[in-house]
């Protein structure tokens, strides 16, 4: 989430006229794939839920996503009207459905990832049933094979952001879900190892991803030569982190884990806050776009995102109690 926020801060600084000169311009734009590791984490967690026989899997997952998302959309529409005097887009209901319906105006600017999340939930939901649970891992390998077939044989290599029903399940981005889910089952079977090996894996994977991305031209990531190794590196790093957590129970790690409860809310609302903040800073107040203004925007995200996170947790706990 920190990397997503860093890169989106950089993007909005460029949009509003500051292409360089701040601490948010150090990392190249090629790292704009920072949201994809969320898919690996989601794949891991959903595999865990399926493995433990999570009751009412699909309704509970949908209720985790949609109520907070709809609140975010309402806030975005209000901000858009107050700041830019814009009416809701004509395809609002299609966009807010989070279904793969092709190009739409995304109210929160980031929910293309949720379209993949919802599709993932729908596809794997049957395996939450006890009779089908044992087929989940074989299904993951079959799904991966279908993705490679679609990419290399059928030539389906586009429509990664504004995806459709025809393309959403064979997008290469799904490899992040698949490898993340497989990591869950792998870490269950593998014995413990020395913590230094986990650190070495994280460092090696990070180095590979950085070096292979540093001089990459800006643009959408859709080449399997990038998606496959980066998804594997993310999965390996996730495995190493899980092994480290088993050995270290430091209060700092617990604090970071607790902050993760707010990650969904921050992810949803941060782009709305940043776009409104920079628009008012530049056009209403005439502030210069420098590090001070940038960190003021970051502070706005921290404060308002936390309040939105409290709303998210309230909604989550409300529905959780009723579907337990």
Protein backbone atom coordinates (compact mmCIF):
# COMPACT_ATOMS: atom_id res chain seq x y z
CA UNK A 1 0.00 0.00 0.00
CA UNK A 2 2.89 2.36 0.77
CA UNK A 3 4.32 1.83 -2.72
CA UNK A 4 0.92 2.39 -4.35
CA UNK A 5 0.51 5.65 -2.45
CA UNK A 6 4.06 6.73 -3.29
CA UNK A 7 3.56 6.12 -7.00
CA UNK A 8 0.13 7.72 -7.14
CA UNK A 9 1.52 10.77 -5.33
CA UNK A 10 4.14 10.95 -8.06
CA UNK A 11 1.48 10.58 -10.76
CA UNK A 12 -0.67 13.42 -9.40
CA UNK A 13 2.34 15.70 -9.04
CA UNK A 14 3.05 15.12 -12.74
CA UNK A 15 -0.60 15.61 -13.72
CA UNK A 16 -0.75 18.96 -11.93
CA UNK A 17 2.49 20.26 -13.41
CA UNK A 18 5.45 19.02 -11.37
CA UNK A 19 7.29 16.36 -13.41
CA UNK A 20 10.35 16.24 -11.13
CA UNK A 21 12.07 17.79 -8.14
CA UNK A 22 10.43 16.00 -5.19
CA UNK A 23 11.22 12.88 -3.21
CA UNK A 24 8.26 11.25 -4.97
CA UNK A 25 10.04 11.31 -8.32
CA UNK A 26 12.93 9.02 -7.43
CA UNK A 27 11.30 5.72 -8.35
CA UNK A 28 10.61 5.34 -12.11
CA UNK A 29 7.08 5.13 -13.48
CA UNK A 30 7.73 1.54 -14.55
CA UNK A 31 6.96 0.52 -10.97
CA UNK A 32 3.29 1.40 -11.44
CA UNK A 33 2.50 -2.33 -11.11
CA UNK A 34 2.59 -1.95 -7.34
CA UNK A 35 -1.08 -2.99 -6.98
CA UNK A 36 -0.49 -6.46 -8.41
CA UNK A 37 1.09 -7.95 -5.24
CA UNK A 38 -2.32 -7.39 -3.60
CA UNK A 39 -3.56 -10.16 -5.90
CA UNK A 40 -0.95 -12.55 -4.48
CA UNK A 41 -1.96 -11.70 -0.92
CA UNK A 42 -5.62 -12.15 -1.81
CA UNK A 43 -4.85 -15.48 -3.44
CA UNK A 44 -3.11 -16.64 -0.26
CA UNK A 45 -5.89 -15.50 2.09
CA UNK A 46 -8.69 -16.95 -0.06
CA UNK A 47 -6.87 -20.28 -0.20
CA UNK A 48 -6.71 -20.23 3.59
CA UNK A 49 -10.44 -19.52 3.84
CA UNK A 50 -11.27 -22.34 1.47
CA UNK A 51 -8.99 -24.71 3.35
CA UNK A 52 -10.69 -24.03 6.70
CA UNK A 53 -14.21 -24.40 5.28
CA UNK A 54 -15.20 -20.73 5.45
CA UNK A 55 -18.99 -20.68 5.60
CA UNK A 56 -21.02 -18.47 3.21
CA UNK A 57 -17.81 -17.78 1.31
CA UNK A 58 -19.14 -15.77 -1.61
CA UNK A 59 -21.74 -13.65 0.26
CA UNK A 60 -19.19 -12.77 2.93
CA UNK A 61 -16.52 -11.82 0.38
CA UNK A 62 -18.95 -9.67 -1.60
CA UNK A 63 -20.11 -7.94 1.59
CA UNK A 64 -16.48 -7.26 2.44
CA UNK A 65 -16.00 -5.44 -0.86
CA UNK A 66 -19.21 -3.72 -1.93
CA UNK A 67 -20.55 -1.76 1.11
CA UNK A 68 -17.30 0.16 1.67
CA UNK A 69 -16.83 0.56 -2.07
CA UNK A 70 -20.31 2.08 -2.47
CA UNK A 71 -19.53 4.51 0.37
CA UNK A 72 -16.34 5.44 -1.44
CA UNK A 73 -18.22 6.01 -4.68
CA UNK A 74 -20.72 8.26 -2.90
CA UNK A 75 -17.86 10.32 -1.43
CA UNK A 76 -16.14 10.49 -4.83
CA UNK A 77 -19.32 11.74 -6.52
CA UNK A 78 -19.81 14.39 -3.83
CA UNK A 79 -16.19 15.54 -4.07
CA UNK A 80 -16.38 15.60 -7.86
CA UNK A 81 -19.46 17.83 -7.74
CA UNK A 82 -18.11 20.19 -5.06
CA UNK A 83 -14.59 20.56 -6.48
CA UNK A 84 -15.09 20.25 -10.25
CA UNK A 85 -18.89 20.70 -10.60
CA UNK A 86 -19.07 17.39 -12.48
CA UNK A 87 -22.23 15.32 -12.75
CA UNK A 88 -22.09 11.54 -12.30
CA UNK A 89 -20.95 9.74 -15.47
CA UNK A 90 -23.56 8.05 -17.61
CA UNK A 91 -22.00 4.62 -17.07
CA UNK A 92 -21.82 4.96 -13.29
CA UNK A 93 -23.90 1.88 -12.55
CA UNK A 94 -21.84 -0.26 -14.91
CA UNK A 95 -18.62 0.98 -13.28
CA UNK A 96 -19.93 0.54 -9.73
CA UNK A 97 -21.00 -3.04 -10.44
CA UNK A 98 -17.32 -4.06 -10.43
CA UNK A 99 -18.11 -6.46 -13.25
CA UNK A 100 -15.90 -6.85 -16.35
CA UNK A 101 -17.97 -4.73 -18.71
CA UNK A 102 -15.20 -3.08 -20.70
CA UNK A 103 -14.15 0.60 -20.70
CA UNK A 104 -15.99 2.66 -18.05
CA UNK A 105 -15.30 5.80 -15.99
CA UNK A 106 -14.01 4.48 -12.68
CA UNK A 107 -15.29 6.73 -9.85
CA UNK A 108 -12.37 5.96 -7.52
CA UNK A 109 -9.77 5.60 -10.33
CA UNK A 110 -8.34 2.40 -8.83
CA UNK A 111 -11.13 -0.18 -8.79
CA UNK A 112 -9.98 -2.05 -11.89
CA UNK A 113 -8.24 -4.35 -9.39
CA UNK A 114 -11.56 -5.03 -7.66
CA UNK A 115 -12.99 -6.29 -10.94
CA UNK A 116 -10.35 -9.03 -10.87
CA UNK A 117 -11.01 -9.65 -7.17
CA UNK A 118 -14.73 -10.17 -7.71
CA UNK A 119 -14.09 -12.48 -10.66
CA UNK A 120 -11.63 -14.46 -8.52
CA UNK A 121 -14.16 -14.84 -5.72
CA UNK A 122 -16.84 -16.05 -8.13
CA UNK A 123 -14.55 -18.59 -9.79
CA UNK A 124 -13.21 -20.16 -6.59
CA UNK A 125 -16.43 -20.01 -4.54
CA UNK A 126 -17.54 -23.57 -5.43
CA UNK A 127 -14.36 -24.94 -3.85
CA UNK A 128 -15.47 -23.65 -0.46
CA UNK A 129 -17.88 -26.60 -0.48
CA UNK A 130 -16.46 -29.59 1.38
CA UNK A 131 -17.08 -31.98 -1.53
CA UNK A 132 -15.09 -29.83 -3.97
CA UNK A 133 -12.35 -28.52 -1.67
CA UNK A 134 -9.82 -31.21 -2.58
CA UNK A 135 -10.01 -30.20 -6.25
CA UNK A 136 -8.98 -26.60 -5.63
CA UNK A 137 -5.22 -27.05 -6.09
CA UNK A 138 -5.61 -29.08 -9.33
CA UNK A 139 -8.00 -26.39 -10.56
CA UNK A 140 -5.34 -23.72 -9.97
CA UNK A 141 -2.90 -25.57 -12.25
CA UNK A 142 -5.59 -26.04 -14.91
CA UNK A 143 -6.45 -22.34 -14.69
CA UNK A 144 -2.79 -21.38 -15.11
CA UNK A 145 -2.54 -23.66 -18.14
CA UNK A 146 -5.62 -22.00 -19.66
CA UNK A 147 -4.03 -18.58 -19.16
CA UNK A 148 -0.86 -19.65 -20.99
CA UNK A 149 -2.93 -21.24 -23.76
CA UNK A 150 -4.97 -18.06 -24.22
CA UNK A 151 -1.83 -15.93 -24.25
CA UNK A 152 0.46 -17.96 -26.51
CA UNK A 153 -2.02 -19.85 -28.72
CA UNK A 154 -5.09 -17.63 -28.93
CA UNK A 155 -3.13 -14.36 -28.75
CA UNK A 156 -5.29 -12.88 -25.97
CA UNK A 157 -2.75 -10.36 -24.68
CA UNK A 158 -4.79 -7.17 -24.28
CA UNK A 159 -7.68 -5.77 -22.21
CA UNK A 160 -5.86 -6.03 -18.89
CA UNK A 161 -7.37 -2.95 -17.24
CA UNK A 162 -10.80 -2.56 -18.84
CA UNK A 163 -11.37 -6.27 -19.11
CA UNK A 164 -14.50 -8.09 -20.27
CA UNK A 165 -16.18 -11.40 -19.46
CA UNK A 166 -14.30 -12.92 -22.39
CA UNK A 167 -10.89 -11.88 -21.13
CA UNK A 168 -11.03 -11.46 -17.35
CA UNK A 169 -10.37 -15.10 -16.43
CA UNK A 170 -7.51 -15.61 -18.90
CA UNK A 171 -5.67 -12.38 -18.12
CA UNK A 172 -2.06 -12.92 -17.08
CA UNK A 173 -2.75 -10.90 -13.93
CA UNK A 174 -4.58 -13.93 -12.55
CA UNK A 175 -1.21 -15.65 -12.17
CA UNK A 176 -0.72 -13.51 -9.07
CA UNK A 177 -3.88 -14.99 -7.52
CA UNK A 178 -2.86 -18.50 -8.53
CA UNK A 179 0.72 -18.36 -7.26
CA UNK A 180 -0.42 -16.68 -4.05
CA UNK A 181 -2.93 -19.47 -3.42
CA UNK A 182 -0.35 -22.16 -4.16
CA UNK A 183 2.03 -20.56 -1.68
CA UNK A 184 -0.53 -21.14 1.07
CA UNK A 185 -0.56 -24.89 0.45
CA UNK A 186 3.22 -25.01 -0.04
CA UNK A 187 3.99 -23.33 3.26
CA UNK A 188 1.71 -25.82 5.04
CA UNK A 189 3.79 -28.76 3.83
CA UNK A 190 7.31 -27.34 3.91
CA UNK A 191 9.37 -27.60 7.11
CA UNK A 192 10.68 -24.54 8.94
CA UNK A 193 14.01 -23.09 7.95
CA UNK A 194 16.48 -20.55 9.25
CA UNK A 195 15.25 -16.97 9.15
CA UNK A 196 18.27 -15.89 7.08
CA UNK A 197 16.98 -17.90 4.13
CA UNK A 198 13.72 -15.95 4.17
CA UNK A 199 15.65 -12.68 4.22
CA UNK A 200 17.82 -13.88 1.33
CA UNK A 201 14.73 -14.79 -0.75
CA UNK A 202 13.12 -11.40 -0.14
CA UNK A 203 16.33 -9.57 -1.05
CA UNK A 204 16.91 -11.67 -4.18
CA UNK A 205 13.34 -11.26 -5.43
CA UNK A 206 13.34 -7.55 -4.69
CA UNK A 207 16.65 -7.10 -6.51
CA UNK A 208 15.38 -8.98 -9.56
CA UNK A 209 12.15 -6.97 -9.77
CA UNK A 210 13.97 -3.66 -9.35
CA UNK A 211 16.72 -4.42 -11.85
CA UNK A 212 14.31 -5.82 -14.44
CA UNK A 213 12.02 -2.79 -14.09
CA UNK A 214 14.37 0.14 -13.69
CA UNK A 215 14.82 1.03 -17.36
CA UNK A 216 11.49 -0.36 -18.49
CA UNK A 217 9.46 2.11 -20.59
CA UNK A 218 6.32 3.44 -18.97
CA UNK A 219 3.23 1.54 -19.99
CA UNK A 220 0.78 -1.16 -19.10
CA UNK A 221 2.31 -4.44 -17.98
CA UNK A 222 0.94 -7.22 -20.16
CA UNK A 223 4.00 -9.11 -21.38
CA UNK A 224 4.13 -12.65 -19.96
CA UNK A 225 7.92 -12.32 -19.76
CA UNK A 226 7.28 -9.71 -17.07
CA UNK A 227 4.10 -10.99 -15.46
CA UNK A 228 5.29 -14.55 -14.88
CA UNK A 229 8.66 -13.87 -13.17
CA UNK A 230 7.28 -10.94 -11.18
CA UNK A 231 4.32 -13.00 -9.95
CA UNK A 232 6.69 -15.80 -8.96
CA UNK A 233 8.93 -13.32 -7.15
CA UNK A 234 5.92 -11.92 -5.31
CA UNK A 235 4.81 -15.43 -4.36
CA UNK A 236 8.31 -16.35 -3.15
CA UNK A 237 8.51 -13.16 -1.10
CA UNK A 238 5.10 -13.88 0.39
CA UNK A 239 6.26 -17.37 1.34
CA UNK A 240 9.38 -15.94 2.98
CA UNK A 241 7.36 -13.35 4.92
CA UNK A 242 5.02 -16.06 6.22
CA UNK A 243 8.01 -18.09 7.43
CA UNK A 244 9.46 -15.01 9.12
CA UNK A 245 6.17 -14.30 10.89
CA UNK A 246 6.22 -17.84 12.27
CA UNK A 247 9.54 -17.11 13.97
CA UNK A 248 9.24 -13.44 14.96
CA UNK A 249 6.35 -12.00 16.93
CA UNK A 250 7.68 -8.49 17.38
CA UNK A 251 5.21 -5.73 18.41
CA UNK A 252 6.23 -3.78 15.30
CA UNK A 253 5.18 -6.67 13.08
CA UNK A 254 1.87 -6.87 14.93
CA UNK A 255 1.37 -3.11 14.43
CA UNK A 256 2.00 -3.42 10.70
CA UNK A 257 -0.42 -6.35 10.58
CA UNK A 258 -3.09 -4.29 12.35
CA UNK A 259 -2.56 -1.44 9.90
CA UNK A 260 -3.32 -3.95 7.16
CA UNK A 261 -6.92 -3.92 8.38
CA UNK A 262 -7.14 -0.38 6.99
CA UNK A 263 -5.34 -1.09 3.72
CA UNK A 264 -8.53 -1.68 1.73
CA UNK A 265 -10.04 1.62 2.83
CA UNK A 266 -6.85 3.55 2.12
CA UNK A 267 -6.56 1.93 -1.28
CA UNK A 268 -10.12 2.86 -2.24
CA UNK A 269 -10.11 6.49 -1.15
CA UNK A 270 -6.53 7.73 -1.55
CA UNK A 271 -6.80 8.70 -5.22
CA UNK A 272 -9.97 10.73 -4.59
CA UNK A 273 -8.27 12.61 -1.75
CA UNK A 274 -5.10 13.27 -3.73
CA UNK A 275 -6.88 14.50 -6.86
CA UNK A 276 -9.09 16.87 -4.85
CA UNK A 277 -6.20 18.07 -2.69
CA UNK A 278 -3.88 18.91 -5.59
CA UNK A 279 -6.67 20.49 -7.60
CA UNK A 280 -7.51 22.87 -4.75
CA UNK A 281 -3.84 23.43 -3.88
CA UNK A 282 -2.96 24.48 -7.43
CA UNK A 283 -6.10 26.17 -8.76
CA UNK A 284 -7.72 27.55 -5.60
CA UNK A 285 -4.77 28.41 -3.34
CA UNK A 286 -1.91 28.72 -5.83
CA UNK A 287 0.46 26.61 -3.74
CA UNK A 288 3.76 25.56 -5.34
CA UNK A 289 4.10 21.85 -5.99
CA UNK A 290 7.06 20.95 -3.84
CA UNK A 291 7.89 18.51 -1.07
CA UNK A 292 5.96 20.51 1.51
CA UNK A 293 2.76 20.48 -0.54
CA UNK A 294 3.27 16.82 -1.38
CA UNK A 295 3.63 15.84 2.26
CA UNK A 296 0.60 17.96 3.11
CA UNK A 297 -1.33 15.85 0.60
CA UNK A 298 0.09 12.72 2.18
CA UNK A 299 -1.09 13.95 5.59
CA UNK A 300 -4.57 14.51 4.19
CA UNK A 301 -4.62 10.93 2.92
CA UNK A 302 -3.39 9.64 6.29
CA UNK A 303 -6.08 11.48 8.27
CA UNK A 304 -9.07 11.15 5.95
CA UNK A 305 -8.09 7.63 4.96
CA UNK A 306 -8.05 6.63 8.63
CA UNK A 307 -11.56 8.00 9.12
CA UNK A 308 -12.73 6.12 6.04
CA UNK A 309 -10.98 3.05 7.43
CA UNK A 310 -12.98 3.32 10.64
CA UNK A 311 -16.15 3.37 8.55
CA UNK A 312 -14.90 0.33 6.64
CA UNK A 313 -14.20 -1.62 9.83
CA UNK A 314 -17.63 -0.71 11.23
CA UNK A 315 -19.34 -2.02 8.11
CA UNK A 316 -17.15 -5.10 8.04
CA UNK A 317 -17.87 -6.01 11.65
CA UNK A 318 -21.59 -5.34 11.16
CA UNK A 319 -21.92 -7.83 8.31
CA UNK A 320 -19.43 -10.25 9.82
CA UNK A 321 -21.58 -10.72 12.93
CA UNK A 322 -24.68 -11.40 10.88
CA UNK A 323 -23.09 -13.99 8.59
CA UNK A 324 -20.88 -15.75 11.13
